[in-house]
Amino acid sequence: MVKNGDFIPSIQEIKVFYQNLCVYKLG
């Protein structure tokens, strides 16, 4: 079962996602 909380990414996950995205674009 998926809880409602699991559907929303945490702040840490969002930060890591954007960091990886920036590294990918700059790299």
Protein backbone atom coordinates (compact mmCIF):
# COMPACT_ATOMS: atom_id res chain seq x y z
CA MET A 1 0.00 0.00 0.00
CA VAL A 2 1.18 3.50 -0.78
CA LYS A 3 0.56 6.12 1.85
CA ASN A 4 -0.25 9.71 0.94
CA GLY A 5 3.04 10.85 2.48
CA ASP A 6 5.03 8.54 0.19
CA PHE A 7 3.50 10.21 -2.84
CA ILE A 8 5.13 13.55 -2.02
CA PRO A 9 8.94 13.67 -2.36
CA SER A 10 10.76 14.98 0.67
CA ILE A 11 12.73 18.22 0.62
CA GLN A 12 16.00 16.25 0.70
CA GLU A 13 14.98 14.24 -2.36
CA ILE A 14 14.05 17.41 -4.24
CA LYS A 15 17.41 19.02 -3.38
CA VAL A 16 19.34 15.94 -4.51
CA PHE A 17 17.27 15.77 -7.70
CA TYR A 18 18.02 19.38 -8.65
CA GLN A 19 21.70 18.99 -7.71
CA ASN A 20 21.99 16.00 -10.02
CA LEU A 21 20.11 17.88 -12.74
CA CYS A 22 22.49 20.84 -12.50
CA VAL A 23 25.54 18.56 -12.58
CA TYR A 24 24.11 16.76 -15.61
CA LYS A 25 23.51 20.01 -17.52
CA LEU A 26 26.84 21.58 -16.57
CA GLY A 27 28.74 18.34 -17.15
